[in-house]
N, C-alpha and C. Protein backbone atom coordinates (compact mmCIF):
# COMPACT_ATOMS: atom_id res chain seq x y z
N MET A 1 125.50 116.23 110.18
CA MET A 1 126.30 115.25 109.57
C MET A 1 125.73 115.44 108.33
N PRO A 2 126.68 115.41 107.10
CA PRO A 2 127.18 115.48 105.84
C PRO A 2 126.02 114.06 105.27
N GLY A 3 125.42 113.95 103.76
CA GLY A 3 124.30 113.42 103.73
C GLY A 3 125.79 112.63 102.18
N LEU A 4 125.30 111.70 101.80
CA LEU A 4 126.12 110.62 101.01
C LEU A 4 126.51 110.99 100.10
N ASP A 5 125.37 112.35 99.24
CA ASP A 5 126.09 112.83 98.27
C ASP A 5 126.98 113.61 98.67
N GLU A 6 127.43 114.29 98.90
CA GLU A 6 128.08 115.87 100.41
C GLU A 6 128.80 114.81 99.88
N LEU A 7 129.76 113.77 100.68
CA LEU A 7 130.22 113.08 100.91
C LEU A 7 131.13 113.05 99.25
N GLY A 8 130.71 111.99 98.37
CA GLY A 8 130.71 111.92 97.68
C GLY A 8 131.40 112.65 96.72
N SER A 9 130.98 114.57 96.68
CA SER A 9 131.50 115.51 96.24
C SER A 9 132.76 115.60 96.46
N LEU A 10 132.75 115.43 97.90
CA LEU A 10 133.91 116.00 98.75
C LEU A 10 135.44 114.80 98.06
N LEU A 11 134.54 114.09 98.23
CA LEU A 11 135.72 112.31 97.45
C LEU A 11 136.23 112.80 96.00
N GLY A 12 135.34 112.92 95.59
CA GLY A 12 135.40 113.75 93.81
C GLY A 12 134.86 113.02 92.99
N MET A 13 134.10 112.10 94.06
CA MET A 13 133.02 111.49 92.34
C MET A 13 132.42 111.97 91.71
N PRO A 14 131.98 111.61 90.44
CA PRO A 14 130.35 112.22 90.14
C PRO A 14 129.31 112.45 90.36
N GLU A 15 129.23 112.52 90.11
CA GLU A 15 127.78 112.99 90.66
C GLU A 15 126.57 112.17 89.95
N LYS A 16 125.44 111.30 90.55
CA LYS A 16 124.88 110.42 90.23
C LYS A 16 123.72 111.45 89.32
N PRO A 17 123.32 110.96 88.35
CA PRO A 17 122.13 112.20 87.82
C PRO A 17 120.52 111.61 88.64
N LYS A 18 119.81 112.93 88.99
CA LYS A 18 118.20 112.64 90.17
C LYS A 18 117.77 112.03 88.88
N GLN A 19 117.66 111.06 89.81
CA GLN A 19 115.67 109.88 89.34
C GLN A 19 114.68 110.78 88.80
N ASP A 20 113.68 110.68 87.94
CA ASP A 20 112.87 111.97 87.67
C ASP A 20 111.59 111.34 88.20
N ASP A 21 111.23 112.25 89.71
CA ASP A 21 110.14 112.02 89.53
C ASP A 21 108.67 111.77 89.74
N THR A 22 108.40 112.14 88.23
CA THR A 22 107.22 112.50 86.94
C THR A 22 107.27 110.81 86.39
N LYS A 23 107.87 109.67 87.07
CA LYS A 23 107.20 108.93 85.52
C LYS A 23 106.03 108.54 86.07
N LYS A 24 105.89 107.54 85.17
CA LYS A 24 104.85 107.45 85.40
C LYS A 24 103.88 105.96 85.80
N ARG A 25 102.78 105.49 86.57
CA ARG A 25 102.12 105.10 86.98
C ARG A 25 101.41 103.80 86.30
N VAL A 26 102.54 102.80 86.25
CA VAL A 26 102.09 101.80 85.26
C VAL A 26 101.32 100.27 86.67
N GLY A 27 99.92 99.80 86.02
CA GLY A 27 99.32 98.62 85.79
C GLY A 27 100.24 97.68 86.34
N HIS A 28 99.84 96.17 87.08
CA HIS A 28 100.65 95.10 86.85
C HIS A 28 101.61 93.91 85.76
N ASP A 29 100.13 94.78 84.92
CA ASP A 29 100.59 94.31 83.54
C ASP A 29 101.47 94.65 82.79
N GLY A 30 102.15 96.06 83.41
CA GLY A 30 103.03 97.03 82.68
C GLY A 30 102.81 97.83 82.06
N GLN A 31 101.17 98.16 81.63
CA GLN A 31 101.18 99.70 80.67
C GLN A 31 101.37 100.46 81.78
N VAL A 32 101.09 101.45 81.04
CA VAL A 32 101.28 103.23 81.37
C VAL A 32 99.62 102.87 81.66
N LEU A 33 98.74 103.81 83.59
CA LEU A 33 97.80 103.87 83.38
C LEU A 33 96.98 104.79 82.51
N GLN A 34 96.04 105.10 81.97
CA GLN A 34 95.74 106.16 81.46
C GLN A 34 94.07 105.98 81.70
N LEU A 35 93.79 107.07 82.68
CA LEU A 35 92.47 106.89 83.62
C LEU A 35 91.73 107.59 83.23
N ARG A 36 90.61 107.82 82.77
CA ARG A 36 89.32 108.27 82.99
C ARG A 36 88.30 108.90 83.66
N VAL A 37 87.95 110.36 84.05
CA VAL A 37 87.31 110.38 85.07
C VAL A 37 85.67 111.03 83.68
N ARG A 38 84.37 110.85 84.68
CA ARG A 38 83.52 111.12 84.34
C ARG A 38 82.30 111.10 85.54
N THR A 39 80.94 111.46 84.65
CA THR A 39 80.33 111.83 86.45
C THR A 39 79.00 111.47 85.30
N GLU A 40 77.50 110.54 85.51
CA GLU A 40 76.23 109.95 85.27
C GLU A 40 75.28 110.93 86.37
N LYS A 41 74.16 110.87 85.85
CA LYS A 41 73.06 111.05 87.20
C LYS A 41 72.52 109.32 87.25
N ARG A 42 72.56 109.69 88.38
CA ARG A 42 71.65 107.85 89.21
C ARG A 42 71.17 108.38 89.76
N ARG A 43 69.42 108.57 89.82
CA ARG A 43 68.80 108.41 90.57
C ARG A 43 68.41 109.68 90.45
N GLY A 44 68.74 110.59 89.91
CA GLY A 44 68.86 111.98 89.80
C GLY A 44 69.52 112.66 90.72
N LYS A 45 71.20 111.83 90.99
CA LYS A 45 72.23 112.92 91.81
C LYS A 45 73.34 112.72 90.80
N LEU A 46 74.71 113.31 91.02
CA LEU A 46 75.65 113.19 90.12
C LEU A 46 76.59 111.95 90.34
N VAL A 47 77.48 111.23 89.88
CA VAL A 47 77.98 110.29 90.87
C VAL A 47 79.27 110.60 89.27
N THR A 48 80.74 110.46 89.98
CA THR A 48 82.09 111.03 89.85
C THR A 48 82.17 109.29 89.24
N ILE A 49 82.64 109.39 88.60
CA ILE A 49 83.51 107.74 88.12
C ILE A 49 85.10 107.61 87.28
N VAL A 50 85.87 107.03 87.86
CA VAL A 50 87.09 106.95 87.67
C VAL A 50 87.35 105.19 87.13
N TRP A 51 87.66 105.66 85.63
CA TRP A 51 87.93 103.52 85.32
C TRP A 51 89.20 103.62 84.62
N GLY A 52 89.99 102.71 84.16
CA GLY A 52 90.89 102.69 83.28
C GLY A 52 91.88 101.53 84.09
N PHE A 53 91.49 101.71 85.63
CA PHE A 53 92.76 100.60 86.38
C PHE A 53 92.54 99.27 86.03
N PHE A 54 94.08 98.90 85.75
CA PHE A 54 94.94 97.09 85.68
C PHE A 54 95.70 97.01 86.84
N SER A 55 95.18 97.86 88.11
CA SER A 55 96.15 97.88 88.74
C SER A 55 95.81 96.44 90.16
N HIS A 56 96.38 96.40 91.27
CA HIS A 56 96.38 95.45 92.64
C HIS A 56 95.41 96.45 93.39
N PRO A 57 94.89 94.94 93.52
CA PRO A 57 92.59 95.52 94.55
C PRO A 57 93.24 96.74 96.01
N MET A 58 94.42 96.58 96.31
CA MET A 58 95.18 96.90 97.28
C MET A 58 95.25 98.78 96.88
N GLU A 59 95.49 98.63 95.35
CA GLU A 59 96.13 100.60 95.16
C GLU A 59 94.55 100.65 94.93
N LEU A 60 93.56 100.46 94.24
CA LEU A 60 92.56 100.19 94.57
C LEU A 60 91.78 100.90 96.01
N ASN A 61 92.03 100.14 96.83
CA ASN A 61 91.57 101.04 98.65
C ASN A 61 92.38 101.98 98.66
N ARG A 62 93.65 102.06 98.13
CA ARG A 62 93.96 103.44 99.05
C ARG A 62 93.67 104.51 98.47
N LEU A 63 93.51 104.54 96.82
CA LEU A 63 92.73 104.85 96.34
C LEU A 63 91.75 106.11 96.34
N LEU A 64 90.90 105.20 96.56
CA LEU A 64 89.53 105.25 97.62
C LEU A 64 89.44 106.13 98.90
N THR A 65 90.35 105.45 100.03
CA THR A 65 90.60 105.80 100.48
C THR A 65 90.88 107.60 100.37
N LEU A 66 92.40 107.89 99.58
CA LEU A 66 92.23 108.74 99.52
C LEU A 66 91.88 109.84 99.19
N PHE A 67 90.21 109.59 97.99
CA PHE A 67 89.34 110.18 97.59
C PHE A 67 88.55 110.58 98.54
N LYS A 68 87.66 109.65 99.76
CA LYS A 68 87.00 110.26 100.12
C LYS A 68 87.49 111.03 101.51
N LYS A 69 89.07 111.46 101.43
CA LYS A 69 89.56 112.14 102.73
C LYS A 69 89.65 113.17 102.02
N SER A 70 90.15 113.50 100.83
CA SER A 70 90.10 114.80 100.35
C SER A 70 88.81 115.26 99.69
N LEU A 71 87.93 114.40 99.53
CA LEU A 71 87.09 114.91 99.01
C LEU A 71 85.64 115.11 99.95
N GLY A 72 85.66 114.41 101.01
CA GLY A 72 85.20 114.43 101.93
C GLY A 72 83.62 113.83 101.05
N ALA A 73 83.43 112.75 100.77
CA ALA A 73 82.13 111.95 99.52
C ALA A 73 82.39 111.01 99.90
N GLY A 74 81.20 109.87 100.00
CA GLY A 74 81.69 108.30 100.00
C GLY A 74 81.82 107.84 98.43
N GLY A 75 82.06 106.74 98.46
CA GLY A 75 82.18 105.86 97.16
C GLY A 75 82.32 104.74 97.43
N GLN A 76 82.46 103.72 96.23
CA GLN A 76 82.68 102.28 96.03
C GLN A 76 83.35 102.16 95.30
N ILE A 77 84.16 101.22 95.07
CA ILE A 77 84.77 100.11 94.31
C ILE A 77 83.79 99.17 93.47
N VAL A 78 83.42 99.16 91.95
CA VAL A 78 83.02 98.72 90.93
C VAL A 78 83.88 98.07 90.25
N ASP A 79 83.91 96.98 89.80
CA ASP A 79 84.17 96.53 88.27
C ASP A 79 85.37 97.59 87.69
N GLN A 80 86.42 97.26 88.74
CA GLN A 80 87.31 97.90 88.66
C GLN A 80 87.77 99.49 88.15
N SER A 81 86.66 100.16 88.78
CA SER A 81 86.54 101.36 88.72
C SER A 81 85.84 101.94 90.73
N ILE A 82 86.10 103.54 90.18
CA ILE A 82 86.28 103.72 91.92
C ILE A 82 84.62 104.78 91.58
N GLU A 83 83.77 104.34 92.22
CA GLU A 83 82.98 105.86 91.84
C GLU A 83 82.77 106.78 93.22
N MET A 84 82.44 107.77 92.67
CA MET A 84 81.70 108.65 93.47
C MET A 84 80.64 109.81 94.16
N GLN A 85 80.53 110.18 94.90
CA GLN A 85 79.13 110.65 95.13
C GLN A 85 79.74 112.09 95.31
N GLY A 86 78.59 112.57 94.19
CA GLY A 86 79.37 114.02 93.83
C GLY A 86 79.73 114.23 92.24
N ASP A 87 79.63 115.47 92.19
CA ASP A 87 80.60 115.82 91.05
C ASP A 87 81.95 116.70 91.84
N HIS A 88 83.34 116.28 90.99
CA HIS A 88 84.18 116.20 91.25
C HIS A 88 85.48 115.64 90.57
N ILE A 89 84.85 115.92 89.20
CA ILE A 89 85.82 115.29 88.22
C ILE A 89 87.54 116.46 88.42
N GLU A 90 87.10 117.53 88.91
CA GLU A 90 88.39 118.38 88.88
C GLU A 90 89.50 118.34 90.07
N ARG A 91 88.76 117.62 90.93
CA ARG A 91 89.27 118.03 91.85
C ARG A 91 89.60 116.59 91.76
N ILE A 92 89.46 115.33 91.08
CA ILE A 92 89.92 114.26 91.46
C ILE A 92 91.09 113.87 90.23
N LYS A 93 90.79 114.81 88.94
CA LYS A 93 92.13 114.91 88.05
C LYS A 93 93.12 115.70 88.84
N LYS A 94 92.90 116.27 89.59
CA LYS A 94 93.98 117.29 90.43
C LYS A 94 94.63 115.90 91.51
N ILE A 95 94.00 115.69 92.53
CA ILE A 95 94.72 114.19 92.96
C ILE A 95 95.30 113.14 92.43
N LEU A 96 94.97 112.18 90.88
CA LEU A 96 95.39 111.62 90.41
C LEU A 96 96.71 111.98 89.78
N SER A 97 96.44 113.13 89.73
CA SER A 97 97.69 113.87 88.52
C SER A 97 98.74 114.07 89.40
N ASP A 98 98.95 114.39 90.84
CA ASP A 98 99.71 114.89 91.90
C ASP A 98 99.92 113.22 92.67
N GLU A 99 99.50 111.78 92.31
CA GLU A 99 99.35 110.95 92.12
C GLU A 99 100.86 110.06 91.18
N VAL A 100 100.55 110.93 90.36
CA VAL A 100 101.62 110.51 89.48
C VAL A 100 100.95 109.61 88.02
N TYR A 101 99.91 109.55 87.59
CA TYR A 101 98.50 108.74 86.84
C TYR A 101 98.78 109.81 85.99
N LYS A 102 98.39 108.99 85.38
CA LYS A 102 97.93 110.24 83.62
C LYS A 102 96.38 110.57 83.48
N VAL A 103 95.82 111.74 83.31
CA VAL A 103 94.67 111.43 83.16
C VAL A 103 93.62 112.04 82.09
N ARG A 104 92.69 111.09 81.05
CA ARG A 104 92.20 111.90 80.25
C ARG A 104 90.88 112.37 81.43
């Protein structure tokens, strides 16, 4: 069964421009989120911290769950930032860019 786009082309209707899938995520205040990632040493062990969120708490919980599953490490949310156990800077940056966040 043909899709709506195919039916429109059969009827001679102009094609709709495709939406850009690379649009940036925005926080609840409407600003584009620019997240930062760094590591710290705590009690002799590395902790990767992601901060710069101005999102709904459910979005933070979703990202924390995604990080935990993807990285196989523990983590927590502390004061609008996500802390993950271990050194995962490059992997977290890749996950966030796949989720259409701008990362510094």
